[in-house]
Amino acid sequence: MAGSSDVHHKTPLPEGIRVGTVMRIRGVVPNNANRFFVNLLCSEGQDAEYALHFNPRLNESTVVFNTLEQGAWGPEERGSGIPFQHGQPFEVLLIATEDGFKAVVGDSEYHHFRYRIPPARARLLEVGGDLQLESVKIF
């Protein structure tokens, strides 16, 4: 599963996401990385809605959280600081709680993104962009 930049990995979520679901993404940020993403898509195809768009932007030193609903992006939320470093391995946990996704990077909670689209509608976990992906696990 290890690969270089511009990864595009998809994991189907036939049952959607329930409270307590944990999505664990492990990888390495390449030295030349600008940004990568983790998306929870509600369907396949060009017009899919995004229940969650998690977008570390190393070129802007920020992490953006958002949703895409009926073709329009919602208001961006940003975590504080950037917990990703060029050339360093990372582990992200996206945990479905009662009221939102809790993003844990390394061993600390990074941001809590309140649901705008019910997580049960998510059908696909997509990881892509500038990263070396090591593993994606859902439990």
N, C-alpha and C. Protein backbone atom coordinates (compact mmCIF):
# COMPACT_ATOMS: atom_id res chain seq x y z
N MET A 1 0.82 -1.19 0.00
CA MET A 1 0.00 0.00 0.00
C MET A 1 0.86 1.25 0.00
N ALA A 2 2.14 1.15 0.39
CA ALA A 2 3.00 2.33 0.41
C ALA A 2 3.16 2.86 -1.00
N GLY A 3 3.11 4.17 -1.12
CA GLY A 3 3.26 4.77 -2.42
C GLY A 3 3.81 6.16 -2.25
N SER A 4 4.05 6.84 -3.34
CA SER A 4 4.62 8.17 -3.23
C SER A 4 3.51 9.21 -3.33
N SER A 5 3.89 10.41 -3.72
CA SER A 5 2.95 11.52 -3.77
C SER A 5 1.79 11.25 -4.71
N ASP A 6 0.76 12.04 -4.55
CA ASP A 6 -0.47 11.99 -5.32
C ASP A 6 -1.15 10.63 -5.25
N VAL A 7 -1.41 10.23 -4.03
CA VAL A 7 -2.11 8.99 -3.72
C VAL A 7 -3.60 9.20 -3.98
N HIS A 8 -4.28 8.13 -4.34
CA HIS A 8 -5.75 8.19 -4.38
C HIS A 8 -6.27 6.83 -3.92
N HIS A 9 -6.72 6.78 -2.68
CA HIS A 9 -7.16 5.52 -2.07
C HIS A 9 -8.61 5.66 -1.64
N LYS A 10 -9.41 4.63 -1.91
CA LYS A 10 -10.81 4.66 -1.49
C LYS A 10 -11.17 3.39 -0.72
N THR A 11 -11.91 3.56 0.35
CA THR A 11 -12.41 2.44 1.15
C THR A 11 -13.93 2.57 1.23
N PRO A 12 -14.69 1.56 0.75
CA PRO A 12 -16.14 1.66 0.85
C PRO A 12 -16.63 1.54 2.30
N LEU A 13 -17.72 2.24 2.59
CA LEU A 13 -18.35 2.21 3.91
C LEU A 13 -19.82 1.83 3.71
N PRO A 14 -20.09 0.55 3.40
CA PRO A 14 -21.46 0.18 3.04
C PRO A 14 -22.47 0.45 4.15
N GLU A 15 -22.03 0.44 5.40
CA GLU A 15 -22.95 0.66 6.53
C GLU A 15 -22.96 2.11 6.98
N GLY A 16 -22.19 2.98 6.31
CA GLY A 16 -22.07 4.35 6.79
C GLY A 16 -21.20 4.41 8.03
N ILE A 17 -21.27 5.51 8.74
CA ILE A 17 -20.47 5.73 9.95
C ILE A 17 -21.42 5.81 11.12
N ARG A 18 -21.09 5.10 12.19
CA ARG A 18 -21.90 5.15 13.41
C ARG A 18 -21.10 5.81 14.52
N VAL A 19 -21.80 6.26 15.54
CA VAL A 19 -21.11 6.76 16.73
C VAL A 19 -20.18 5.67 17.23
N GLY A 20 -18.93 6.03 17.47
CA GLY A 20 -17.95 5.05 17.92
C GLY A 20 -17.05 4.54 16.82
N THR A 21 -17.41 4.78 15.56
CA THR A 21 -16.55 4.37 14.46
C THR A 21 -15.25 5.16 14.51
N VAL A 22 -14.13 4.46 14.33
CA VAL A 22 -12.82 5.11 14.29
C VAL A 22 -12.19 4.82 12.94
N MET A 23 -11.71 5.88 12.28
CA MET A 23 -10.97 5.73 11.03
C MET A 23 -9.54 6.14 11.33
N ARG A 24 -8.60 5.22 11.09
CA ARG A 24 -7.20 5.49 11.39
C ARG A 24 -6.41 5.55 10.09
N ILE A 25 -5.75 6.68 9.86
CA ILE A 25 -4.94 6.86 8.66
C ILE A 25 -3.50 7.07 9.11
N ARG A 26 -2.62 6.22 8.58
CA ARG A 26 -1.20 6.34 8.90
C ARG A 26 -0.41 6.56 7.62
N GLY A 27 0.59 7.40 7.72
CA GLY A 27 1.42 7.65 6.55
C GLY A 27 2.60 8.52 6.90
N VAL A 28 3.25 9.02 5.85
CA VAL A 28 4.39 9.90 5.99
C VAL A 28 4.14 11.11 5.10
N VAL A 29 4.48 12.29 5.61
CA VAL A 29 4.37 13.51 4.82
C VAL A 29 5.66 13.66 4.02
N PRO A 30 5.61 13.60 2.69
CA PRO A 30 6.83 13.77 1.90
C PRO A 30 7.45 15.15 2.11
N ASN A 31 8.75 15.26 1.84
CA ASN A 31 9.46 16.52 2.04
C ASN A 31 8.91 17.64 1.17
N ASN A 32 8.34 17.30 0.01
CA ASN A 32 7.86 18.33 -0.91
C ASN A 32 6.33 18.48 -0.87
N ALA A 33 5.68 17.92 0.14
CA ALA A 33 4.21 17.92 0.19
C ALA A 33 3.65 19.32 0.36
N ASN A 34 2.57 19.62 -0.38
CA ASN A 34 1.81 20.85 -0.19
C ASN A 34 0.57 20.60 0.64
N ARG A 35 -0.24 19.59 0.23
CA ARG A 35 -1.48 19.31 0.95
C ARG A 35 -1.95 17.90 0.63
N PHE A 36 -2.73 17.36 1.55
CA PHE A 36 -3.41 16.09 1.30
C PHE A 36 -4.79 16.16 1.93
N PHE A 37 -5.60 15.12 1.72
CA PHE A 37 -6.97 15.19 2.22
C PHE A 37 -7.47 13.81 2.64
N VAL A 38 -8.46 13.85 3.54
CA VAL A 38 -9.27 12.69 3.88
C VAL A 38 -10.70 13.16 3.71
N ASN A 39 -11.46 12.48 2.86
CA ASN A 39 -12.85 12.84 2.61
C ASN A 39 -13.76 11.69 3.01
N LEU A 40 -14.91 12.03 3.57
CA LEU A 40 -15.99 11.07 3.76
C LEU A 40 -17.07 11.46 2.78
N LEU A 41 -17.21 10.65 1.73
CA LEU A 41 -18.14 10.95 0.64
C LEU A 41 -19.46 10.22 0.86
N CYS A 42 -20.56 10.88 0.46
CA CYS A 42 -21.89 10.30 0.62
C CYS A 42 -22.26 9.40 -0.55
N SER A 43 -21.50 9.48 -1.65
CA SER A 43 -21.77 8.63 -2.82
C SER A 43 -20.53 8.64 -3.71
N GLU A 44 -20.56 7.79 -4.74
CA GLU A 44 -19.53 7.83 -5.77
C GLU A 44 -19.88 8.92 -6.77
N GLY A 45 -18.93 9.34 -7.54
CA GLY A 45 -19.25 10.22 -8.66
C GLY A 45 -18.88 11.67 -8.44
N GLN A 46 -19.00 12.44 -9.51
CA GLN A 46 -18.56 13.83 -9.52
C GLN A 46 -19.37 14.72 -8.58
N ASP A 47 -20.66 14.40 -8.41
CA ASP A 47 -21.51 15.29 -7.62
C ASP A 47 -21.70 14.79 -6.18
N ALA A 48 -20.77 13.99 -5.70
CA ALA A 48 -20.87 13.45 -4.34
C ALA A 48 -20.82 14.58 -3.30
N GLU A 49 -21.62 14.42 -2.25
CA GLU A 49 -21.52 15.32 -1.11
C GLU A 49 -20.45 14.79 -0.16
N TYR A 50 -19.80 15.70 0.55
CA TYR A 50 -18.73 15.36 1.49
C TYR A 50 -19.26 15.58 2.90
N ALA A 51 -19.42 14.50 3.66
CA ALA A 51 -19.81 14.65 5.07
C ALA A 51 -18.65 15.25 5.86
N LEU A 52 -17.42 14.99 5.39
CA LEU A 52 -16.23 15.57 6.02
C LEU A 52 -15.14 15.72 4.98
N HIS A 53 -14.51 16.89 4.97
CA HIS A 53 -13.31 17.16 4.18
C HIS A 53 -12.27 17.61 5.18
N PHE A 54 -11.23 16.76 5.37
CA PHE A 54 -10.13 17.02 6.30
C PHE A 54 -8.92 17.28 5.43
N ASN A 55 -8.38 18.52 5.48
CA ASN A 55 -7.42 18.94 4.47
C ASN A 55 -6.21 19.65 5.08
N PRO A 56 -5.19 18.87 5.51
CA PRO A 56 -3.94 19.50 5.95
C PRO A 56 -3.27 20.21 4.77
N ARG A 57 -2.98 21.50 4.97
CA ARG A 57 -2.33 22.31 3.94
C ARG A 57 -0.99 22.77 4.48
N LEU A 58 0.05 22.02 4.14
CA LEU A 58 1.37 22.35 4.67
C LEU A 58 1.86 23.66 4.08
N ASN A 59 1.44 23.96 2.85
CA ASN A 59 1.86 25.21 2.21
C ASN A 59 1.22 26.43 2.86
N GLU A 60 0.16 26.22 3.67
CA GLU A 60 -0.48 27.33 4.38
C GLU A 60 -0.36 27.17 5.90
N SER A 61 0.31 26.10 6.35
CA SER A 61 0.45 25.80 7.79
C SER A 61 -0.88 25.78 8.52
N THR A 62 -1.86 25.09 7.91
CA THR A 62 -3.18 25.02 8.53
C THR A 62 -3.84 23.69 8.14
N VAL A 63 -4.88 23.33 8.88
CA VAL A 63 -5.71 22.18 8.53
C VAL A 63 -7.14 22.68 8.43
N VAL A 64 -7.76 22.45 7.26
CA VAL A 64 -9.12 22.92 7.01
C VAL A 64 -10.09 21.75 7.15
N PHE A 65 -11.22 22.00 7.80
CA PHE A 65 -12.33 21.06 7.92
C PHE A 65 -13.53 21.70 7.22
N ASN A 66 -14.28 20.89 6.44
CA ASN A 66 -15.44 21.46 5.77
C ASN A 66 -16.37 20.34 5.32
N THR A 67 -17.51 20.74 4.74
CA THR A 67 -18.44 19.82 4.10
C THR A 67 -18.76 20.39 2.72
N LEU A 68 -19.18 19.50 1.83
CA LEU A 68 -19.66 19.91 0.52
C LEU A 68 -21.08 19.37 0.40
N GLU A 69 -22.04 20.29 0.32
CA GLU A 69 -23.45 19.90 0.34
C GLU A 69 -24.15 20.56 -0.83
N GLN A 70 -24.83 19.74 -1.66
CA GLN A 70 -25.55 20.24 -2.82
C GLN A 70 -24.66 21.14 -3.67
N GLY A 71 -23.41 20.68 -3.86
CA GLY A 71 -22.49 21.38 -4.74
C GLY A 71 -21.82 22.62 -4.16
N ALA A 72 -22.10 22.94 -2.90
CA ALA A 72 -21.52 24.15 -2.30
C ALA A 72 -20.74 23.81 -1.04
N TRP A 73 -19.55 24.41 -0.90
CA TRP A 73 -18.75 24.24 0.32
C TRP A 73 -19.38 25.04 1.44
N GLY A 74 -19.34 24.48 2.64
CA GLY A 74 -19.82 25.19 3.82
C GLY A 74 -18.72 26.12 4.33
N PRO A 75 -18.96 26.75 5.50
CA PRO A 75 -17.93 27.60 6.09
C PRO A 75 -16.74 26.74 6.56
N GLU A 76 -15.53 27.18 6.24
CA GLU A 76 -14.33 26.44 6.66
C GLU A 76 -14.13 26.58 8.16
N GLU A 77 -13.69 25.47 8.76
CA GLU A 77 -13.19 25.51 10.13
C GLU A 77 -11.73 25.15 10.05
N ARG A 78 -10.93 25.77 10.90
CA ARG A 78 -9.49 25.48 10.90
C ARG A 78 -9.05 25.06 12.30
N GLY A 79 -8.21 24.04 12.34
CA GLY A 79 -7.62 23.66 13.61
C GLY A 79 -6.54 24.65 13.98
N SER A 80 -6.04 24.59 15.20
CA SER A 80 -4.98 25.52 15.60
C SER A 80 -3.62 24.91 15.28
N GLY A 81 -2.83 25.65 14.52
CA GLY A 81 -1.49 25.18 14.16
C GLY A 81 -1.55 24.03 13.17
N ILE A 82 -0.39 23.51 12.83
CA ILE A 82 -0.34 22.37 11.90
C ILE A 82 0.45 21.24 12.57
N PRO A 83 -0.23 20.11 12.84
CA PRO A 83 0.43 19.01 13.55
C PRO A 83 1.17 18.05 12.62
N PHE A 84 1.42 18.46 11.37
CA PHE A 84 2.10 17.61 10.40
C PHE A 84 3.42 18.27 10.03
N GLN A 85 4.47 17.46 9.88
CA GLN A 85 5.79 17.96 9.54
C GLN A 85 6.30 17.25 8.30
N HIS A 86 6.95 18.01 7.41
CA HIS A 86 7.57 17.40 6.23
C HIS A 86 8.56 16.32 6.67
N GLY A 87 8.50 15.18 5.96
CA GLY A 87 9.44 14.09 6.23
C GLY A 87 9.11 13.26 7.45
N GLN A 88 7.97 13.55 8.11
CA GLN A 88 7.64 12.85 9.35
C GLN A 88 6.43 11.93 9.18
N PRO A 89 6.45 10.78 9.88
CA PRO A 89 5.27 9.92 9.88
C PRO A 89 4.15 10.59 10.68
N PHE A 90 2.90 10.17 10.40
CA PHE A 90 1.77 10.70 11.15
C PHE A 90 0.73 9.60 11.33
N GLU A 91 -0.13 9.83 12.32
CA GLU A 91 -1.31 8.99 12.53
C GLU A 91 -2.46 9.93 12.83
N VAL A 92 -3.54 9.80 12.04
CA VAL A 92 -4.75 10.59 12.27
C VAL A 92 -5.86 9.62 12.64
N LEU A 93 -6.58 9.93 13.71
CA LEU A 93 -7.79 9.20 14.06
C LEU A 93 -8.96 10.16 13.86
N LEU A 94 -9.93 9.72 13.09
CA LEU A 94 -11.19 10.46 12.96
C LEU A 94 -12.24 9.62 13.66
N ILE A 95 -12.76 10.14 14.75
CA ILE A 95 -13.65 9.38 15.61
C ILE A 95 -15.04 9.99 15.55
N ALA A 96 -16.04 9.16 15.23
CA ALA A 96 -17.42 9.63 15.19
C ALA A 96 -17.98 9.67 16.61
N THR A 97 -18.31 10.87 17.09
CA THR A 97 -18.89 11.02 18.42
C THR A 97 -20.38 11.30 18.27
N GLU A 98 -21.05 11.60 19.37
CA GLU A 98 -22.49 11.87 19.31
C GLU A 98 -22.82 13.05 18.40
N ASP A 99 -21.96 14.07 18.43
CA ASP A 99 -22.32 15.31 17.74
C ASP A 99 -21.34 15.75 16.66
N GLY A 100 -20.26 14.99 16.44
CA GLY A 100 -19.31 15.41 15.41
C GLY A 100 -18.14 14.46 15.29
N PHE A 101 -17.23 14.83 14.40
CA PHE A 101 -15.99 14.06 14.21
C PHE A 101 -14.91 14.66 15.08
N LYS A 102 -14.28 13.82 15.89
CA LYS A 102 -13.14 14.25 16.68
C LYS A 102 -11.89 13.84 15.92
N ALA A 103 -11.05 14.81 15.59
CA ALA A 103 -9.80 14.54 14.90
C ALA A 103 -8.68 14.49 15.93
N VAL A 104 -8.00 13.35 16.00
CA VAL A 104 -6.87 13.17 16.91
C VAL A 104 -5.63 12.96 16.04
N VAL A 105 -4.63 13.79 16.26
CA VAL A 105 -3.38 13.66 15.50
C VAL A 105 -2.29 13.35 16.50
N GLY A 106 -1.57 12.24 16.24
CA GLY A 106 -0.60 11.78 17.23
C GLY A 106 -1.37 11.33 18.46
N ASP A 107 -1.08 11.93 19.61
CA ASP A 107 -1.80 11.51 20.82
C ASP A 107 -2.62 12.63 21.44
N SER A 108 -2.93 13.67 20.65
CA SER A 108 -3.75 14.73 21.23
C SER A 108 -4.91 15.11 20.33
N GLU A 109 -6.01 15.49 20.96
CA GLU A 109 -7.19 15.91 20.20
C GLU A 109 -6.85 17.22 19.50
N TYR A 110 -7.14 17.27 18.20
CA TYR A 110 -6.76 18.42 17.40
C TYR A 110 -7.95 19.35 17.14
N HIS A 111 -9.09 18.77 16.78
CA HIS A 111 -10.26 19.59 16.44
C HIS A 111 -11.51 18.73 16.53
N HIS A 112 -12.62 19.37 16.90
CA HIS A 112 -13.91 18.69 16.92
C HIS A 112 -14.79 19.39 15.89
N PHE A 113 -15.18 18.64 14.86
CA PHE A 113 -15.97 19.21 13.76
C PHE A 113 -17.40 18.69 13.88
N ARG A 114 -18.32 19.60 14.20
CA ARG A 114 -19.72 19.19 14.39
C ARG A 114 -20.34 18.75 13.08
N TYR A 115 -21.18 17.71 13.17
CA TYR A 115 -21.84 17.18 11.98
C TYR A 115 -22.69 18.25 11.31
N ARG A 116 -22.60 18.31 9.98
CA ARG A 116 -23.52 19.11 9.18
C ARG A 116 -24.34 18.17 8.30
N ILE A 117 -23.73 17.04 7.95
CA ILE A 117 -24.40 15.97 7.19
C ILE A 117 -24.35 14.74 8.10
N PRO A 118 -25.46 14.02 8.27
CA PRO A 118 -25.44 12.85 9.16
C PRO A 118 -24.36 11.85 8.73
N PRO A 119 -23.54 11.38 9.66
CA PRO A 119 -22.44 10.48 9.30
C PRO A 119 -22.92 9.16 8.73
N ALA A 120 -24.15 8.79 9.03
CA ALA A 120 -24.70 7.54 8.48
C ALA A 120 -24.80 7.61 6.95
N ARG A 121 -24.78 8.81 6.39
CA ARG A 121 -24.86 8.96 4.93
C ARG A 121 -23.52 8.71 4.24
N ALA A 122 -22.43 8.69 4.99
CA ALA A 122 -21.10 8.48 4.39
C ALA A 122 -21.01 7.06 3.82
N ARG A 123 -20.53 6.95 2.60
CA ARG A 123 -20.41 5.65 1.95
C ARG A 123 -19.00 5.32 1.48
N LEU A 124 -18.10 6.30 1.57
CA LEU A 124 -16.77 6.11 1.01
C LEU A 124 -15.77 6.97 1.78
N LEU A 125 -14.67 6.35 2.18
CA LEU A 125 -13.56 7.09 2.77
C LEU A 125 -12.50 7.22 1.69
N GLU A 126 -12.11 8.44 1.40
CA GLU A 126 -11.15 8.71 0.33
C GLU A 126 -9.95 9.44 0.93
N VAL A 127 -8.75 8.97 0.59
CA VAL A 127 -7.52 9.61 1.05
C VAL A 127 -6.70 9.92 -0.19
N GLY A 128 -6.17 11.14 -0.27
CA GLY A 128 -5.39 11.47 -1.46
C GLY A 128 -4.53 12.69 -1.26
N GLY A 129 -3.79 13.01 -2.31
CA GLY A 129 -2.93 14.18 -2.29
C GLY A 129 -1.48 13.82 -2.06
N ASP A 130 -0.74 14.77 -1.46
CA ASP A 130 0.71 14.61 -1.27
C ASP A 130 1.00 13.88 0.03
N LEU A 131 1.01 12.55 -0.03
CA LEU A 131 1.39 11.79 1.15
C LEU A 131 1.83 10.40 0.73
N GLN A 132 2.58 9.75 1.62
CA GLN A 132 2.87 8.33 1.47
C GLN A 132 1.92 7.64 2.43
N LEU A 133 0.97 6.92 1.87
CA LEU A 133 -0.05 6.27 2.69
C LEU A 133 0.45 4.90 3.11
N GLU A 134 0.40 4.63 4.42
CA GLU A 134 0.83 3.33 4.92
C GLU A 134 -0.37 2.43 5.21
N SER A 135 -1.39 2.97 5.86
CA SER A 135 -2.54 2.13 6.14
C SER A 135 -3.78 2.97 6.41
N VAL A 136 -4.93 2.38 6.10
CA VAL A 136 -6.23 2.94 6.43
C VAL A 136 -7.00 1.83 7.10
N LYS A 137 -7.44 2.05 8.34
CA LYS A 137 -8.20 1.03 9.06
C LYS A 137 -9.46 1.68 9.61
N ILE A 138 -10.54 0.91 9.58
CA ILE A 138 -11.81 1.38 10.11
C ILE A 138 -12.29 0.36 11.12
N PHE A 139 -12.53 0.81 12.33
CA PHE A 139 -12.99 -0.13 13.37
C PHE A 139 -13.90 0.58 14.35
